Amino acid sequence: ESRIKNFNLLFSKEKQEIIKLIDKLNEIGVLIILGDIQNMQGISGYWKPKNQTIVIDNSIIKAGTYIFHDVLSHEAIHVAQSCATGSVSSNPTRIGLPLNFSNRMNRHLSHQFYIKNSQEGLYIEQEAYSHSKEIGTAYNLLNQLCS
């Protein structure tokens, strides 16, 4: 109900945040590719630190601003996790944000894409999922850890 009542304001904030994230990611040398993610059914995006590239599936654009912000923010948090390790091209590590626990989170983390992840790898994903919907968090993390 709150999202419906404040639709225009929220849409504007998410749109502005997407622009800020894209600008910041470009500034630190991260390439964002929109394309078809093949052979990874159900995956909306991923971060490739060695290539300094975020790939986001085309279907996310059609899903709307809210979902696009969530996916871009999730991947941007992974970039910040990489920066915390030493450089934007490092493998991500946890940065100490509180982890949320929920059935929805468990569904995300039970995807076949994460089957080979260690427990620490799952915590890294959980950290990004826990904070990706928050407007401003990913951008602030990039500013703090990737400057």
Foldseek 3Di string as FASTA:
>chain_A
DVCVVCVVVVQVLLVVLVVLLVVLLVVLPAAEAEEADPPQPPDQWEAQLQNSYIYGYNVQVVVDSQSVQLNSLLRLLQQLQQLQVPASSRGGFDDDDDFDDDPVLVVVCVRPVNPPPDPRRSVSSRRSNRPSNPRPPSSVSCVVRRD
